[in-house]
Amino acid sequence: MGRWIEEACERGPNWSEATATLYAAWKTWAEGNGEFVGSTRRFSEELAKHGVERDRTKRARGFQGLCLKRNSTDFETTETRW
């Protein structure tokens, strides 16, 4: 998980991203790197263990302080930031 965060994400207090968006990118990355994908619940728990705060808006559940790098087409999804 730590390697994925470093390679695919940006951290900062003003960033946020929906869980579904992050999980889709994680799944693509994990499958391409031979990592165990797991469930969205396990994914959320692992992000929390890496110090990423859970967040919730009226539109979606997500995480505060983390977003996908937008200059990497390897991790793009059809979802948008919330």
PDB file of N, CA and C in Angstrom:
ATOM      1  N   MET A   1       0.821  -1.187   0.000  1.00  0.00           N
ATOM      2  CA  MET A   1       0.000   0.000   0.000  1.00  0.00           C
ATOM      3  C   MET A   1       0.869   1.256   0.000  1.00  0.00           C
ATOM      4  N   GLY A   2       1.936   1.242   0.767  1.00  0.00           N
ATOM      5  CA  GLY A   2       2.807   2.402   0.848  1.00  0.00           C
ATOM      6  C   GLY A   2       3.440   2.753  -0.494  1.00  0.00           C
ATOM      7  N   ARG A   3       3.836   1.741  -1.238  1.00  0.00           N
ATOM      8  CA  ARG A   3       4.431   1.977  -2.553  1.00  0.00           C
ATOM      9  C   ARG A   3       3.404   2.580  -3.506  1.00  0.00           C
ATOM     10  N   TRP A   4       2.171   2.091  -3.462  1.00  0.00           N
ATOM     11  CA  TRP A   4       1.098   2.639  -4.301  1.00  0.00           C
ATOM     12  C   TRP A   4       0.838   4.104  -3.951  1.00  0.00           C
ATOM     13  N   ILE A   5       0.773   4.408  -2.676  1.00  0.00           N
ATOM     14  CA  ILE A   5       0.550   5.799  -2.261  1.00  0.00           C
ATOM     15  C   ILE A   5       1.660   6.690  -2.823  1.00  0.00           C
ATOM     16  N   GLU A   6       2.895   6.223  -2.712  1.00  0.00           N
ATOM     17  CA  GLU A   6       4.028   7.015  -3.199  1.00  0.00           C
ATOM     18  C   GLU A   6       3.992   7.189  -4.718  1.00  0.00           C
ATOM     19  N   GLU A   7       3.679   6.126  -5.433  1.00  0.00           N
ATOM     20  CA  GLU A   7       3.712   6.167  -6.896  1.00  0.00           C
ATOM     21  C   GLU A   7       2.477   6.810  -7.526  1.00  0.00           C
ATOM     22  N   ALA A   8       1.310   6.598  -6.939  1.00  0.00           N
ATOM     23  CA  ALA A   8       0.069   6.982  -7.614  1.00  0.00           C
ATOM     24  C   ALA A   8      -0.667   8.161  -6.995  1.00  0.00           C
ATOM     25  N   CYS A   9      -0.243   8.589  -5.802  1.00  0.00           N
ATOM     26  CA  CYS A   9      -1.024   9.589  -5.081  1.00  0.00           C
ATOM     27  C   CYS A   9      -0.205  10.813  -4.701  1.00  0.00           C
ATOM     28  N   GLU A  10      -0.935  11.855  -4.395  1.00  0.00           N
ATOM     29  CA  GLU A  10      -0.359  13.070  -3.822  1.00  0.00           C
ATOM     30  C   GLU A  10      -0.996  13.253  -2.457  1.00  0.00           C
ATOM     31  N   ARG A  11      -0.196  13.731  -1.518  1.00  0.00           N
ATOM     32  CA  ARG A  11      -0.708  13.982  -0.171  1.00  0.00           C
ATOM     33  C   ARG A  11      -0.670  15.471   0.106  1.00  0.00           C
ATOM     34  N   GLY A  12      -1.666  15.932   0.819  1.00  0.00           N
ATOM     35  CA  GLY A  12      -1.735  17.325   1.201  1.00  0.00           C
ATOM     36  C   GLY A  12      -3.040  17.598   1.916  1.00  0.00           C
ATOM     37  N   PRO A  13      -3.052  18.578   2.795  1.00  0.00           N
ATOM     38  CA  PRO A  13      -4.236  18.823   3.626  1.00  0.00           C
ATOM     39  C   PRO A  13      -5.482  19.223   2.844  1.00  0.00           C
ATOM     40  N   ASN A  14      -5.316  19.762   1.655  1.00  0.00           N
ATOM     41  CA  ASN A  14      -6.475  20.219   0.889  1.00  0.00           C
ATOM     42  C   ASN A  14      -6.987  19.214  -0.127  1.00  0.00           C
ATOM     43  N   TRP A  15      -6.338  18.065  -0.230  1.00  0.00           N
ATOM     44  CA  TRP A  15      -6.760  17.056  -1.191  1.00  0.00           C
ATOM     45  C   TRP A  15      -7.814  16.138  -0.590  1.00  0.00           C
ATOM     46  N   SER A  16      -8.706  15.676  -1.418  1.00  0.00           N
ATOM     47  CA  SER A  16      -9.646  14.631  -1.013  1.00  0.00           C
ATOM     48  C   SER A  16     -10.047  13.850  -2.248  1.00  0.00           C
ATOM     49  N   GLU A  17     -10.425  12.626  -2.023  1.00  0.00           N
ATOM     50  CA  GLU A  17     -10.783  11.753  -3.140  1.00  0.00           C
ATOM     51  C   GLU A  17     -11.806  10.743  -2.649  1.00  0.00           C
ATOM     52  N   ALA A  18     -12.740  10.389  -3.502  1.00  0.00           N
ATOM     53  CA  ALA A  18     -13.758   9.393  -3.163  1.00  0.00           C
ATOM     54  C   ALA A  18     -13.113   8.015  -3.031  1.00  0.00           C
ATOM     55  N   THR A  19     -13.627   7.233  -2.114  1.00  0.00           N
ATOM     56  CA  THR A  19     -13.113   5.885  -1.900  1.00  0.00           C
ATOM     57  C   THR A  19     -13.186   5.059  -3.177  1.00  0.00           C
ATOM     58  N   ALA A  20     -14.295   5.145  -3.900  1.00  0.00           N
ATOM     59  CA  ALA A  20     -14.448   4.364  -5.136  1.00  0.00           C
ATOM     60  C   ALA A  20     -13.378   4.702  -6.156  1.00  0.00           C
ATOM     61  N   THR A  21     -13.026   5.959  -6.259  1.00  0.00           N
ATOM     62  CA  THR A  21     -11.999   6.398  -7.198  1.00  0.00           C
ATOM     63  C   THR A  21     -10.641   5.846  -6.798  1.00  0.00           C
ATOM     64  N   LEU A  22     -10.315   5.988  -5.525  1.00  0.00           N
ATOM     65  CA  LEU A  22      -9.035   5.474  -5.025  1.00  0.00           C
ATOM     66  C   LEU A  22      -8.956   3.957  -5.172  1.00  0.00           C
ATOM     67  N   TYR A  23     -10.033   3.266  -4.817  1.00  0.00           N
ATOM     68  CA  TYR A  23     -10.024   1.810  -4.882  1.00  0.00           C
ATOM     69  C   TYR A  23      -9.855   1.315  -6.317  1.00  0.00           C
ATOM     70  N   ALA A  24     -10.518   1.958  -7.264  1.00  0.00           N
ATOM     71  CA  ALA A  24     -10.386   1.558  -8.669  1.00  0.00           C
ATOM     72  C   ALA A  24      -8.931   1.700  -9.128  1.00  0.00           C
ATOM     73  N   ALA A  25      -8.293   2.783  -8.742  1.00  0.00           N
ATOM     74  CA  ALA A  25      -6.888   2.984  -9.100  1.00  0.00           C
ATOM     75  C   ALA A  25      -5.999   1.965  -8.396  1.00  0.00           C
ATOM     76  N   TRP A  26      -6.283   1.707  -7.113  1.00  0.00           N
ATOM     77  CA  TRP A  26      -5.520   0.705  -6.359  1.00  0.00           C
ATOM     78  C   TRP A  26      -5.648  -0.662  -7.018  1.00  0.00           C
ATOM     79  N   LYS A  27      -6.855  -1.030  -7.389  1.00  0.00           N
ATOM     80  CA  LYS A  27      -7.099  -2.342  -7.985  1.00  0.00           C
ATOM     81  C   LYS A  27      -6.292  -2.506  -9.275  1.00  0.00           C
ATOM     82  N   THR A  28      -6.312  -1.496 -10.127  1.00  0.00           N
ATOM     83  CA  THR A  28      -5.545  -1.539 -11.371  1.00  0.00           C
ATOM     84  C   THR A  28      -4.055  -1.678 -11.082  1.00  0.00           C
ATOM     85  N   TRP A  29      -3.564  -0.871 -10.151  1.00  0.00           N
ATOM     86  CA  TRP A  29      -2.151  -0.895  -9.799  1.00  0.00           C
ATOM     87  C   TRP A  29      -1.770  -2.244  -9.173  1.00  0.00           C
ATOM     88  N   ALA A  30      -2.567  -2.710  -8.225  1.00  0.00           N
ATOM     89  CA  ALA A  30      -2.266  -3.953  -7.521  1.00  0.00           C
ATOM     90  C   ALA A  30      -2.243  -5.146  -8.475  1.00  0.00           C
ATOM     91  N   GLU A  31      -3.223  -5.221  -9.355  1.00  0.00           N
ATOM     92  CA  GLU A  31      -3.253  -6.324 -10.316  1.00  0.00           C
ATOM     93  C   GLU A  31      -2.039  -6.286 -11.236  1.00  0.00           C
ATOM     94  N   GLY A  32      -1.609  -5.096 -11.621  1.00  0.00           N
ATOM     95  CA  GLY A  32      -0.446  -4.954 -12.485  1.00  0.00           C
ATOM     96  C   GLY A  32       0.879  -5.207 -11.790  1.00  0.00           C
ATOM     97  N   ASN A  33       0.867  -5.163 -10.462  1.00  0.00           N
ATOM     98  CA  ASN A  33       2.096  -5.351  -9.687  1.00  0.00           C
ATOM     99  C   ASN A  33       2.090  -6.616  -8.845  1.00  0.00           C
ATOM    100  N   GLY A  34       1.128  -7.498  -9.089  1.00  0.00           N
ATOM    101  CA  GLY A  34       1.078  -8.773  -8.390  1.00  0.00           C
ATOM    102  C   GLY A  34       0.752  -8.668  -6.910  1.00  0.00           C
ATOM    103  N   GLU A  35       0.065  -7.611  -6.516  1.00  0.00           N
ATOM    104  CA  GLU A  35      -0.327  -7.420  -5.116  1.00  0.00           C
ATOM    105  C   GLU A  35      -1.750  -7.937  -4.898  1.00  0.00           C
ATOM    106  N   PHE A  36      -2.054  -8.329  -3.682  1.00  0.00           N
ATOM    107  CA  PHE A  36      -3.394  -8.750  -3.322  1.00  0.00           C
ATOM    108  C   PHE A  36      -4.311  -7.526  -3.325  1.00  0.00           C
ATOM    109  N   VAL A  37      -5.410  -7.591  -4.055  1.00  0.00           N
ATOM    110  CA  VAL A  37      -6.318  -6.448  -4.172  1.00  0.00           C
ATOM    111  C   VAL A  37      -7.165  -6.294  -2.917  1.00  0.00           C
ATOM    112  N   GLY A  38      -7.853  -7.335  -2.515  1.00  0.00           N
ATOM    113  CA  GLY A  38      -8.709  -7.280  -1.332  1.00  0.00           C
ATOM    114  C   GLY A  38      -9.993  -6.510  -1.565  1.00  0.00           C
ATOM    115  N   SER A  39     -10.756  -6.365  -0.509  1.00  0.00           N
ATOM    116  CA  SER A  39     -12.052  -5.685  -0.568  1.00  0.00           C
ATOM    117  C   SER A  39     -11.888  -4.185  -0.362  1.00  0.00           C
ATOM    118  N   THR A  40     -12.950  -3.445  -0.627  1.00  0.00           N
ATOM    119  CA  THR A  40     -12.902  -2.002  -0.382  1.00  0.00           C
ATOM    120  C   THR A  40     -12.761  -1.735   1.110  1.00  0.00           C
ATOM    121  N   ARG A  41     -13.331  -2.585   1.923  1.00  0.00           N
ATOM    122  CA  ARG A  41     -13.212  -2.408   3.376  1.00  0.00           C
ATOM    123  C   ARG A  41     -11.755  -2.550   3.820  1.00  0.00           C
ATOM    124  N   ARG A  42     -11.097  -3.590   3.341  1.00  0.00           N
ATOM    125  CA  ARG A  42      -9.685  -3.800   3.681  1.00  0.00           C
ATOM    126  C   ARG A  42      -8.842  -2.642   3.154  1.00  0.00           C
ATOM    127  N   PHE A  43      -9.148  -2.184   1.945  1.00  0.00           N
ATOM    128  CA  PHE A  43      -8.450  -1.058   1.356  1.00  0.00           C
ATOM    129  C   PHE A  43      -8.569   0.178   2.241  1.00  0.00           C
ATOM    130  N   SER A  44      -9.781   0.472   2.691  1.00  0.00           N
ATOM    131  CA  SER A  44     -10.011   1.635   3.558  1.00  0.00           C
ATOM    132  C   SER A  44      -9.254   1.502   4.871  1.00  0.00           C
ATOM    133  N   GLU A  45      -9.247   0.318   5.438  1.00  0.00           N
ATOM    134  CA  GLU A  45      -8.524   0.087   6.687  1.00  0.00           C
ATOM    135  C   GLU A  45      -7.014   0.284   6.490  1.00  0.00           C
ATOM    136  N   GLU A  46      -6.493  -0.177   5.372  1.00  0.00           N
ATOM    137  CA  GLU A  46      -5.064  -0.016   5.091  1.00  0.00           C
ATOM    138  C   GLU A  46      -4.694   1.452   4.903  1.00  0.00           C
ATOM    139  N   LEU A  47      -5.535   2.216   4.211  1.00  0.00           N
ATOM    140  CA  LEU A  47      -5.268   3.643   4.063  1.00  0.00           C
ATOM    141  C   LEU A  47      -5.247   4.327   5.425  1.00  0.00           C
ATOM    142  N   ALA A  48      -6.193   3.967   6.283  1.00  0.00           N
ATOM    143  CA  ALA A  48      -6.234   4.547   7.622  1.00  0.00           C
ATOM    144  C   ALA A  48      -4.950   4.210   8.393  1.00  0.00           C
ATOM    145  N   LYS A  49      -4.448   2.996   8.228  1.00  0.00           N
ATOM    146  CA  LYS A  49      -3.198   2.598   8.882  1.00  0.00           C
ATOM    147  C   LYS A  49      -2.012   3.430   8.384  1.00  0.00           C
ATOM    148  N   HIS A  50      -2.113   3.943   7.167  1.00  0.00           N
ATOM    149  CA  HIS A  50      -1.059   4.780   6.598  1.00  0.00           C
ATOM    150  C   HIS A  50      -1.304   6.265   6.876  1.00  0.00           C
ATOM    151  N   GLY A  51      -2.185   6.553   7.815  1.00  0.00           N
ATOM    152  CA  GLY A  51      -2.385   7.920   8.259  1.00  0.00           C
ATOM    153  C   GLY A  51      -3.294   8.771   7.397  1.00  0.00           C
ATOM    154  N   VAL A  52      -4.055   8.149   6.514  1.00  0.00           N
ATOM    155  CA  VAL A  52      -4.983   8.898   5.668  1.00  0.00           C
ATOM    156  C   VAL A  52      -6.338   8.925   6.378  1.00  0.00           C
ATOM    157  N   GLU A  53      -6.871  10.113   6.552  1.00  0.00           N
ATOM    158  CA  GLU A  53      -8.116  10.278   7.308  1.00  0.00           C
ATOM    159  C   GLU A  53      -9.341  10.019   6.448  1.00  0.00           C
ATOM    160  N   ARG A  54     -10.263   9.280   7.010  1.00  0.00           N
ATOM    161  CA  ARG A  54     -11.541   9.053   6.338  1.00  0.00           C
ATOM    162  C   ARG A  54     -12.353  10.332   6.368  1.00  0.00           C
ATOM    163  N   ASP A  55     -13.170  10.498   5.350  1.00  0.00           N
ATOM    164  CA  ASP A  55     -14.004  11.692   5.240  1.00  0.00           C
ATOM    165  C   ASP A  55     -15.311  11.292   4.574  1.00  0.00           C
ATOM    166  N   ARG A  56     -16.317  12.110   4.764  1.00  0.00           N
ATOM    167  CA  ARG A  56     -17.610  11.828   4.154  1.00  0.00           C
ATOM    168  C   ARG A  56     -18.283  13.146   3.805  1.00  0.00           C
ATOM    169  N   THR A  57     -18.801  13.211   2.601  1.00  0.00           N
ATOM    170  CA  THR A  57     -19.580  14.368   2.188  1.00  0.00           C
ATOM    171  C   THR A  57     -20.992  13.885   1.891  1.00  0.00           C
ATOM    172  N   LYS A  58     -21.842  14.786   1.484  1.00  0.00           N
ATOM    173  CA  LYS A  58     -23.201  14.394   1.108  1.00  0.00           C
ATOM    174  C   LYS A  58     -23.194  13.509  -0.133  1.00  0.00           C
ATOM    175  N   ARG A  59     -22.155  13.637  -0.947  1.00  0.00           N
ATOM    176  CA  ARG A  59     -22.082  12.893  -2.204  1.00  0.00           C
ATOM    177  C   ARG A  59     -21.416  11.529  -2.086  1.00  0.00           C
ATOM    178  N   ALA A  60     -20.402  11.404  -1.233  1.00  0.00           N
ATOM    179  CA  ALA A  60     -19.638  10.152  -1.222  1.00  0.00           C
ATOM    180  C   ALA A  60     -18.791  10.025   0.030  1.00  0.00           C
ATOM    181  N   ARG A  61     -18.357   8.811   0.262  1.00  0.00           N
ATOM    182  CA  ARG A  61     -17.355   8.555   1.298  1.00  0.00           C
ATOM    183  C   ARG A  61     -16.000   8.641   0.636  1.00  0.00           C
ATOM    184  N   GLY A  62     -15.027   9.076   1.401  1.00  0.00           N
ATOM    185  CA  GLY A  62     -13.704   9.191   0.817  1.00  0.00           C
ATOM    186  C   GLY A  62     -12.639   9.390   1.856  1.00  0.00           C
ATOM    187  N   PHE A  63     -11.541   9.996   1.410  1.00  0.00           N
ATOM    188  CA  PHE A  63     -10.402  10.237   2.274  1.00  0.00           C
ATOM    189  C   PHE A  63      -9.909  11.651   2.088  1.00  0.00           C
ATOM    190  N   GLN A  64      -9.522  12.251   3.190  1.00  0.00           N
ATOM    191  CA  GLN A  64      -8.991  13.612   3.220  1.00  0.00           C
ATOM    192  C   GLN A  64      -7.471  13.533   3.294  1.00  0.00           C
ATOM    193  N   GLY A  65      -6.797  14.404   2.546  1.00  0.00           N
ATOM    194  CA  GLY A  65      -5.343  14.455   2.598  1.00  0.00           C
ATOM    195  C   GLY A  65      -4.647  13.619   1.550  1.00  0.00           C
ATOM    196  N   LEU A  66      -5.416  13.089   0.593  1.00  0.00           N
ATOM    197  CA  LEU A  66      -4.851  12.214  -0.424  1.00  0.00           C
ATOM    198  C   LEU A  66      -5.674  12.336  -1.699  1.00  0.00           C
ATOM    199  N   CYS A  67      -5.013  12.341  -2.840  1.00  0.00           N
ATOM    200  CA  CYS A  67      -5.704  12.278  -4.129  1.00  0.00           C
ATOM    201  C   CYS A  67      -4.797  11.572  -5.127  1.00  0.00           C
ATOM    202  N   LEU A  68      -5.369  11.149  -6.219  1.00  0.00           N
ATOM    203  CA  LEU A  68      -4.578  10.518  -7.271  1.00  0.00           C
ATOM    204  C   LEU A  68      -3.773  11.565  -8.015  1.00  0.00           C
ATOM    205  N   LYS A  69      -2.600  11.192  -8.433  1.00  0.00           N
ATOM    206  CA  LYS A  69      -1.804  12.067  -9.291  1.00  0.00           C
ATOM    207  C   LYS A  69      -2.533  12.178 -10.619  1.00  0.00           C
ATOM    208  N   ARG A  70      -2.735  13.369 -11.078  1.00  0.00           N
ATOM    209  CA  ARG A  70      -3.489  13.566 -12.309  1.00  0.00           C
ATOM    210  C   ARG A  70      -2.631  13.536 -13.559  1.00  0.00           C
ATOM    211  N   ASN A  71      -1.316  13.538 -13.406  1.00  0.00           N
ATOM    212  CA  ASN A  71      -0.449  13.500 -14.575  1.00  0.00           C
ATOM    213  C   ASN A  71      -0.095  12.078 -14.991  1.00  0.00           C
ATOM    214  N   SER A  72      -0.630  11.099 -14.303  1.00  0.00           N
ATOM    215  CA  SER A  72      -0.324   9.712 -14.623  1.00  0.00           C
ATOM    216  C   SER A  72      -1.546   9.041 -15.234  1.00  0.00           C
ATOM    217  N   THR A  73      -1.473   8.656 -16.480  1.00  0.00           N
ATOM    218  CA  THR A  73      -2.588   7.975 -17.136  1.00  0.00           C
ATOM    219  C   THR A  73      -2.715   6.534 -16.663  1.00  0.00           C
ATOM    220  N   ASP A  74      -1.705   6.019 -15.994  1.00  0.00           N
ATOM    221  CA  ASP A  74      -1.766   4.644 -15.506  1.00  0.00           C
ATOM    222  C   ASP A  74      -2.832   4.450 -14.441  1.00  0.00           C
ATOM    223  N   PHE A  75      -3.207   5.522 -13.762  1.00  0.00           N
ATOM    224  CA  PHE A  75      -4.103   5.389 -12.633  1.00  0.00           C
ATOM    225  C   PHE A  75      -5.414   6.132 -12.834  1.00  0.00           C
ATOM    226  N   GLU A  76      -5.700   6.574 -14.054  1.00  0.00           N
ATOM    227  CA  GLU A  76      -6.930   7.314 -14.295  1.00  0.00           C
ATOM    228  C   GLU A  76      -8.128   6.392 -14.198  1.00  0.00           C
ATOM    229  N   THR A  77      -9.224   6.958 -13.739  1.00  0.00           N
ATOM    230  CA  THR A  77     -10.492   6.254 -13.695  1.00  0.00           C
ATOM    231  C   THR A  77     -11.547   7.161 -14.283  1.00  0.00           C
ATOM    232  N   THR A  78     -12.750   6.660 -14.417  1.00  0.00           N
ATOM    233  CA  THR A  78     -13.819   7.475 -14.957  1.00  0.00           C
ATOM    234  C   THR A  78     -14.447   8.355 -13.878  1.00  0.00           C
ATOM    235  N   GLU A  79     -14.101   8.107 -12.638  1.00  0.00           N
ATOM    236  CA  GLU A  79     -14.622   8.907 -11.527  1.00  0.00           C
ATOM    237  C   GLU A  79     -13.941  10.271 -11.502  1.00  0.00           C
ATOM    238  N   THR A  80     -14.543  11.219 -10.827  1.00  0.00           N
ATOM    239  CA  THR A  80     -13.936  12.526 -10.661  1.00  0.00           C
ATOM    240  C   THR A  80     -13.787  12.835  -9.194  1.00  0.00           C
ATOM    241  N   ARG A  81     -12.966  13.824  -8.912  1.00  0.00           N
ATOM    242  CA  ARG A  81     -12.825  14.254  -7.520  1.00  0.00           C
ATOM    243  C   ARG A  81     -14.161  14.725  -7.002  1.00  0.00           C
ATOM    244  N   TRP A  82     -14.332  14.650  -5.753  1.00  0.00           N
ATOM    245  CA  TRP A  82     -15.591  15.062  -5.135  1.00  0.00           C
ATOM    246  C   TRP A  82     -15.328  16.215  -4.324  1.00  0.00           C
TER     247      TRP A  82
END
